[in-house]
Amino acid sequence: MCVDPKGGVLSQVGSFLQRRGYRIKVFNSIDFTKSMHYNPLAYIKNEADILKFVDALISNTKGEGKEGDPFWTKAETLLYCALIAYIIFEGPAEDRNMNTLVDMISGMEVKEDDEDFMNAVDYMFAGLEKRTVNTATSISAGGTISLIAANNSSGIAQLSYVCFSFPTSATIFSINSIIVWLISCAM
């Protein structure tokens, strides 16, 4: 695996390496038309994987030198863990991707003047709670979860706009054509 943020290595030696038998796989976050697809949720198999992914997502989207209130960071972590667990363990296989996560976050509407208001995500978790015999906690708490999404300390809102608002960029994260057997994140 070679990290090539400016694209120079690929243009200079990519053809050479390919002729020598190397398989070239490209994930281009600048020009999505020149990129293979990558779905990070395809690698999540258990709760520990979810937490690793969420920690990496938050630490890589919070912005330079921005440290928010630890309460909001922990709340955001719990929210994303719950949403991703729902996607992985409850959702259909075709919805197990980042687009679904962004759709869920975007759909977490709050109506401050109506305490009983439930958004689509609240209804999903309420249904899960009814189906689950041993429910330890309730995910839907009168808009608190939506408030966490609205006040998150990371840049996930900006990331979702940049990465998922355009058809070409939304499809890049919907399927997986890059097989990564080992992902190591520096924390």
C-alpha atoms as a PDB file:
ATOM      1  CA  MET A   1       0.000   0.000   0.000  1.00  0.00           C
ATOM      2  CA  CYS A   2       1.308   3.408  -0.955  1.00  0.00           C
ATOM      3  CA  VAL A   3      -0.161   6.711   0.194  1.00  0.00           C
ATOM      4  CA  ASP A   4       0.096   9.276  -2.576  1.00  0.00           C
ATOM      5  CA  PRO A   5      -1.759  12.445  -1.487  1.00  0.00           C
ATOM      6  CA  LYS A   6      -0.592  14.560  -4.450  1.00  0.00           C
ATOM      7  CA  GLY A   7      -0.916  11.820  -7.080  1.00  0.00           C
ATOM      8  CA  GLY A   8       2.675  12.142  -8.234  1.00  0.00           C
ATOM      9  CA  VAL A   9       3.814   8.592  -7.471  1.00  0.00           C
ATOM     10  CA  LEU A  10       0.931   7.057  -9.415  1.00  0.00           C
ATOM     11  CA  SER A  11       1.551   9.176 -12.507  1.00  0.00           C
ATOM     12  CA  GLN A  12       5.315   8.625 -12.379  1.00  0.00           C
ATOM     13  CA  VAL A  13       5.622   4.908 -11.625  1.00  0.00           C
ATOM     14  CA  GLY A  14       2.099   3.443 -11.753  1.00  0.00           C
ATOM     15  CA  SER A  15       2.438   1.992 -15.277  1.00  0.00           C
ATOM     16  CA  PHE A  16       5.893   0.630 -14.469  1.00  0.00           C
ATOM     17  CA  LEU A  17       4.634  -1.156 -11.353  1.00  0.00           C
ATOM     18  CA  GLN A  18       1.641  -2.537 -13.218  1.00  0.00           C
ATOM     19  CA  ARG A  19       3.897  -4.004 -15.932  1.00  0.00           C
ATOM     20  CA  ARG A  20       5.895  -5.656 -13.124  1.00  0.00           C
ATOM     21  CA  GLY A  21       2.778  -7.468 -11.878  1.00  0.00           C
ATOM     22  CA  TYR A  22       1.608  -5.115  -9.147  1.00  0.00           C
ATOM     23  CA  ARG A  23      -2.123  -4.540  -8.878  1.00  0.00           C
ATOM     24  CA  ILE A  24      -2.864  -0.820  -8.760  1.00  0.00           C
ATOM     25  CA  LYS A  25      -5.893   0.300  -6.771  1.00  0.00           C
ATOM     26  CA  VAL A  26      -6.672   3.979  -6.495  1.00  0.00           C
ATOM     27  CA  PHE A  27      -8.811   5.852  -3.997  1.00  0.00           C
ATOM     28  CA  ASN A  28      -8.864   9.444  -5.210  1.00  0.00           C
ATOM     29  CA  SER A  29     -10.651  11.801  -2.811  1.00  0.00           C
ATOM     30  CA  ILE A  30     -10.088  14.820  -5.063  1.00  0.00           C
ATOM     31  CA  ASP A  31     -11.406  13.519  -8.416  1.00  0.00           C
ATOM     32  CA  PHE A  32     -13.988  10.816  -7.718  1.00  0.00           C
ATOM     33  CA  THR A  33     -14.210   9.937 -11.425  1.00  0.00           C
ATOM     34  CA  LYS A  34     -10.639   8.588 -11.172  1.00  0.00           C
ATOM     35  CA  SER A  35     -11.302   6.554  -8.051  1.00  0.00           C
ATOM     36  CA  MET A  36     -12.307   3.058  -7.100  1.00  0.00           C
ATOM     37  CA  HIS A  37     -15.035   2.725  -4.498  1.00  0.00           C
ATOM     38  CA  TYR A  38     -14.436   2.280  -0.776  1.00  0.00           C
ATOM     39  CA  ASN A  39     -17.042   1.396   1.818  1.00  0.00           C
ATOM     40  CA  PRO A  40     -15.429   1.414   5.276  1.00  0.00           C
ATOM     41  CA  LEU A  41     -18.522  -0.163   6.833  1.00  0.00           C
ATOM     42  CA  ALA A  42     -17.829  -3.338   4.816  1.00  0.00           C
ATOM     43  CA  TYR A  43     -15.010  -4.125   7.268  1.00  0.00           C
ATOM     44  CA  ILE A  44     -17.050  -3.822  10.447  1.00  0.00           C
ATOM     45  CA  LYS A  45     -17.854  -7.208  11.962  1.00  0.00           C
ATOM     46  CA  ASN A  46     -18.427  -6.508  15.672  1.00  0.00           C
ATOM     47  CA  GLU A  47     -18.854  -3.803  18.305  1.00  0.00           C
ATOM     48  CA  ALA A  48     -15.098  -3.331  18.756  1.00  0.00           C
ATOM     49  CA  ASP A  49     -14.760  -2.572  15.033  1.00  0.00           C
ATOM     50  CA  ILE A  50     -17.553  -0.007  15.316  1.00  0.00           C
ATOM     51  CA  LEU A  51     -15.795   1.817  18.149  1.00  0.00           C
ATOM     52  CA  LYS A  52     -12.453   1.831  16.283  1.00  0.00           C
ATOM     53  CA  PHE A  53     -14.139   3.238  13.190  1.00  0.00           C
ATOM     54  CA  VAL A  54     -16.067   5.896  15.131  1.00  0.00           C
ATOM     55  CA  ASP A  55     -12.949   6.989  17.025  1.00  0.00           C
ATOM     56  CA  ALA A  56     -11.046   7.312  13.731  1.00  0.00           C
ATOM     57  CA  LEU A  57     -13.956   9.158  12.088  1.00  0.00           C
ATOM     58  CA  ILE A  58     -14.270  11.706  14.897  1.00  0.00           C
ATOM     59  CA  SER A  59     -10.533  12.252  15.317  1.00  0.00           C
ATOM     60  CA  ASN A  60     -10.105  12.783  11.560  1.00  0.00           C
ATOM     61  CA  THR A  61     -13.050  15.160  11.096  1.00  0.00           C
ATOM     62  CA  LYS A  62     -12.792  17.454  14.114  1.00  0.00           C
ATOM     63  CA  GLY A  63     -10.485  19.975  12.445  1.00  0.00           C
ATOM     64  CA  GLU A  64      -7.062  21.264  13.283  1.00  0.00           C
ATOM     65  CA  GLY A  65      -6.579  22.156  16.945  1.00  0.00           C
ATOM     66  CA  LYS A  66     -10.270  21.946  17.782  1.00  0.00           C
ATOM     67  CA  GLU A  67     -11.001  20.243  21.059  1.00  0.00           C
ATOM     68  CA  GLY A  68     -14.618  20.374  22.065  1.00  0.00           C
ATOM     69  CA  ASP A  69     -16.248  19.703  25.381  1.00  0.00           C
ATOM     70  CA  PRO A  70     -15.532  16.045  26.306  1.00  0.00           C
ATOM     71  CA  PHE A  71     -19.242  15.548  27.049  1.00  0.00           C
ATOM     72  CA  TRP A  72     -20.186  16.275  23.430  1.00  0.00           C
ATOM     73  CA  THR A  73     -17.369  14.136  22.055  1.00  0.00           C
ATOM     74  CA  LYS A  74     -18.465  11.176  24.193  1.00  0.00           C
ATOM     75  CA  ALA A  75     -22.115  11.754  23.305  1.00  0.00           C
ATOM     76  CA  GLU A  76     -21.226  11.978  19.619  1.00  0.00           C
ATOM     77  CA  THR A  77     -19.246   8.730  19.901  1.00  0.00           C
ATOM     78  CA  LEU A  78     -22.225   6.964  21.470  1.00  0.00           C
ATOM     79  CA  LEU A  79     -24.572   8.351  18.832  1.00  0.00           C
ATOM     80  CA  TYR A  80     -22.419   7.233  15.909  1.00  0.00           C
ATOM     81  CA  CYS A  81     -21.837   3.829  17.518  1.00  0.00           C
ATOM     82  CA  ALA A  82     -25.598   3.352  17.908  1.00  0.00           C
ATOM     83  CA  LEU A  83     -26.326   4.450  14.333  1.00  0.00           C
ATOM     84  CA  ILE A  84     -23.610   2.275  12.816  1.00  0.00           C
ATOM     85  CA  ALA A  85     -24.616  -0.723  14.943  1.00  0.00           C
ATOM     86  CA  TYR A  86     -28.172  -0.294  13.669  1.00  0.00           C
ATOM     87  CA  ILE A  87     -26.927  -0.116  10.077  1.00  0.00           C
ATOM     88  CA  ILE A  88     -24.660  -3.170  10.436  1.00  0.00           C
ATOM     89  CA  PHE A  89     -26.762  -5.456  12.612  1.00  0.00           C
ATOM     90  CA  GLU A  90     -30.325  -4.416  11.724  1.00  0.00           C
ATOM     91  CA  GLY A  91     -30.231  -2.920   8.248  1.00  0.00           C
ATOM     92  CA  PRO A  92     -30.358  -4.685   4.899  1.00  0.00           C
ATOM     93  CA  ALA A  93     -26.999  -5.479   3.270  1.00  0.00           C
ATOM     94  CA  GLU A  94     -27.459  -2.906   0.505  1.00  0.00           C
ATOM     95  CA  ASP A  95     -27.803  -0.121   3.127  1.00  0.00           C
ATOM     96  CA  ARG A  96     -24.587  -0.942   4.994  1.00  0.00           C
ATOM     97  CA  ASN A  97     -22.634   2.074   3.776  1.00  0.00           C
ATOM     98  CA  MET A  98     -21.665   5.640   4.663  1.00  0.00           C
ATOM     99  CA  ASN A  99     -24.541   7.090   2.638  1.00  0.00           C
ATOM    100  CA  THR A 100     -27.004   5.472   5.041  1.00  0.00           C
ATOM    101  CA  LEU A 101     -25.127   6.894   8.036  1.00  0.00           C
ATOM    102  CA  VAL A 102     -25.232  10.397   6.561  1.00  0.00           C
ATOM    103  CA  ASP A 103     -28.934   9.988   5.704  1.00  0.00           C
ATOM    104  CA  MET A 104     -29.659   8.951   9.295  1.00  0.00           C
ATOM    105  CA  ILE A 105     -27.746  11.924  10.726  1.00  0.00           C
ATOM    106  CA  SER A 106     -29.447  14.283   8.281  1.00  0.00           C
ATOM    107  CA  GLY A 107     -32.849  12.878   9.232  1.00  0.00           C
ATOM    108  CA  MET A 108     -32.457  13.595  12.932  1.00  0.00           C
ATOM    109  CA  GLU A 109     -34.745  16.594  12.989  1.00  0.00           C
ATOM    110  CA  VAL A 110     -35.510  18.288  16.310  1.00  0.00           C
ATOM    111  CA  LYS A 111     -38.595  20.335  17.132  1.00  0.00           C
ATOM    112  CA  GLU A 112     -37.812  22.182  20.332  1.00  0.00           C
ATOM    113  CA  ASP A 113     -41.421  23.272  20.783  1.00  0.00           C
ATOM    114  CA  ASP A 114     -42.716  19.656  20.644  1.00  0.00           C
ATOM    115  CA  GLU A 115     -41.224  17.282  23.237  1.00  0.00           C
ATOM    116  CA  ASP A 116     -43.193  14.349  21.828  1.00  0.00           C
ATOM    117  CA  PHE A 117     -41.920  14.803  18.272  1.00  0.00           C
ATOM    118  CA  MET A 118     -40.117  11.757  16.889  1.00  0.00           C
ATOM    119  CA  ASN A 119     -37.998  11.869  13.760  1.00  0.00           C
ATOM    120  CA  ALA A 120     -37.375   8.904  11.455  1.00  0.00           C
ATOM    121  CA  VAL A 121     -34.368   7.709  13.464  1.00  0.00           C
ATOM    122  CA  ASP A 122     -36.351   7.875  16.718  1.00  0.00           C
ATOM    123  CA  TYR A 123     -38.988   5.631  15.114  1.00  0.00           C
ATOM    124  CA  MET A 124     -36.333   3.185  13.911  1.00  0.00           C
ATOM    125  CA  PHE A 125     -34.878   2.824  17.400  1.00  0.00           C
ATOM    126  CA  ALA A 126     -38.325   2.666  19.007  1.00  0.00           C
ATOM    127  CA  GLY A 127     -39.114  -0.251  16.706  1.00  0.00           C
ATOM    128  CA  LEU A 128     -35.829  -1.898  17.612  1.00  0.00           C
ATOM    129  CA  GLU A 129     -36.579  -1.425  21.303  1.00  0.00           C
ATOM    130  CA  LYS A 130     -39.933  -3.188  20.870  1.00  0.00           C
ATOM    131  CA  ARG A 131     -38.264  -6.087  19.034  1.00  0.00           C
ATOM    132  CA  THR A 132     -35.457  -6.422  21.582  1.00  0.00           C
ATOM    133  CA  VAL A 133     -36.236  -8.346  24.750  1.00  0.00           C
ATOM    134  CA  ASN A 134     -33.256  -7.249  26.879  1.00  0.00           C
ATOM    135  CA  THR A 135     -32.977  -3.557  26.161  1.00  0.00           C
ATOM    136  CA  ALA A 136     -30.474  -1.936  28.489  1.00  0.00           C
ATOM    137  CA  THR A 137     -31.047   1.658  27.433  1.00  0.00           C
ATOM    138  CA  SER A 138     -33.374   3.639  25.263  1.00  0.00           C
ATOM    139  CA  ILE A 139     -31.695   5.352  22.314  1.00  0.00           C
ATOM    140  CA  SER A 140     -34.493   7.837  21.728  1.00  0.00           C
ATOM    141  CA  ALA A 141     -34.586  10.396  24.518  1.00  0.00           C
ATOM    142  CA  GLY A 142     -36.827  13.290  23.563  1.00  0.00           C
ATOM    143  CA  GLY A 143     -34.559  14.870  21.004  1.00  0.00           C
ATOM    144  CA  THR A 144     -31.355  14.525  23.038  1.00  0.00           C
ATOM    145  CA  ILE A 145     -29.829  12.297  20.385  1.00  0.00           C
ATOM    146  CA  SER A 146     -30.747  14.811  17.691  1.00  0.00           C
ATOM    147  CA  LEU A 147     -29.264  17.585  19.792  1.00  0.00           C
ATOM    148  CA  ILE A 148     -26.002  15.638  19.971  1.00  0.00           C
ATOM    149  CA  ALA A 149     -25.990  15.313  16.193  1.00  0.00           C
ATOM    150  CA  ALA A 150     -26.680  19.028  15.798  1.00  0.00           C
ATOM    151  CA  ASN A 151     -24.014  20.095  18.321  1.00  0.00           C
ATOM    152  CA  ASN A 152     -21.313  17.582  17.481  1.00  0.00           C
ATOM    153  CA  SER A 153     -17.763  18.728  18.003  1.00  0.00           C
ATOM    154  CA  SER A 154     -16.368  17.140  14.850  1.00  0.00           C
ATOM    155  CA  GLY A 155     -16.597  18.134  11.235  1.00  0.00           C
ATOM    156  CA  ILE A 156     -18.959  15.288  10.260  1.00  0.00           C
ATOM    157  CA  ALA A 157     -21.534  17.826   9.056  1.00  0.00           C
ATOM    158  CA  GLN A 158     -19.002  19.429   6.728  1.00  0.00           C
ATOM    159  CA  LEU A 159     -17.708  16.002   5.703  1.00  0.00           C
ATOM    160  CA  SER A 160     -21.210  14.823   4.886  1.00  0.00           C
ATOM    161  CA  TYR A 161     -21.879  17.902   2.762  1.00  0.00           C
ATOM    162  CA  VAL A 162     -18.604  17.664   0.860  1.00  0.00           C
ATOM    163  CA  CYS A 163     -18.566  13.900   0.428  1.00  0.00           C
ATOM    164  CA  PHE A 164     -22.210  12.954   0.067  1.00  0.00           C
ATOM    165  CA  SER A 165     -24.086  15.898  -1.470  1.00  0.00           C
ATOM    166  CA  PHE A 166     -23.099  15.153  -5.036  1.00  0.00           C
ATOM    167  CA  PRO A 167     -24.046  12.002  -6.998  1.00  0.00           C
ATOM    168  CA  THR A 168     -20.485  11.098  -8.029  1.00  0.00           C
ATOM    169  CA  SER A 169     -19.147  11.439  -4.500  1.00  0.00           C
ATOM    170  CA  ALA A 170     -22.087   9.646  -2.883  1.00  0.00           C
ATOM    171  CA  THR A 171     -21.565   6.540  -5.012  1.00  0.00           C
ATOM    172  CA  ILE A 172     -17.889   6.286  -4.136  1.00  0.00           C
ATOM    173  CA  PHE A 173     -18.741   5.195  -0.575  1.00  0.00           C
ATOM    174  CA  SER A 174     -21.748   3.002  -1.417  1.00  0.00           C
ATOM    175  CA  ILE A 175     -19.891  -0.107  -2.577  1.00  0.00           C
ATOM    176  CA  ASN A 176     -16.437  -1.552  -2.028  1.00  0.00           C
ATOM    177  CA  SER A 177     -14.073  -2.269  -4.914  1.00  0.00           C
ATOM    178  CA  ILE A 178     -10.913  -1.765  -2.860  1.00  0.00           C
ATOM    179  CA  ILE A 179     -10.231  -4.761  -0.655  1.00  0.00           C
ATOM    180  CA  VAL A 180      -8.289  -3.694   2.395  1.00  0.00           C
ATOM    181  CA  TRP A 181      -7.549  -6.628   4.672  1.00  0.00           C
ATOM    182  CA  LEU A 182      -5.754  -4.698   7.358  1.00  0.00           C
ATOM    183  CA  ILE A 183      -6.509  -1.131   8.311  1.00  0.00           C
ATOM    184  CA  SER A 184      -4.270   0.435  10.921  1.00  0.00           C
ATOM    185  CA  CYS A 185      -5.105   3.809  12.372  1.00  0.00           C
ATOM    186  CA  ALA A 186      -2.721   5.901  14.422  1.00  0.00           C
ATOM    187  CA  MET A 187      -4.561   7.233  17.444  1.00  0.00           C
END
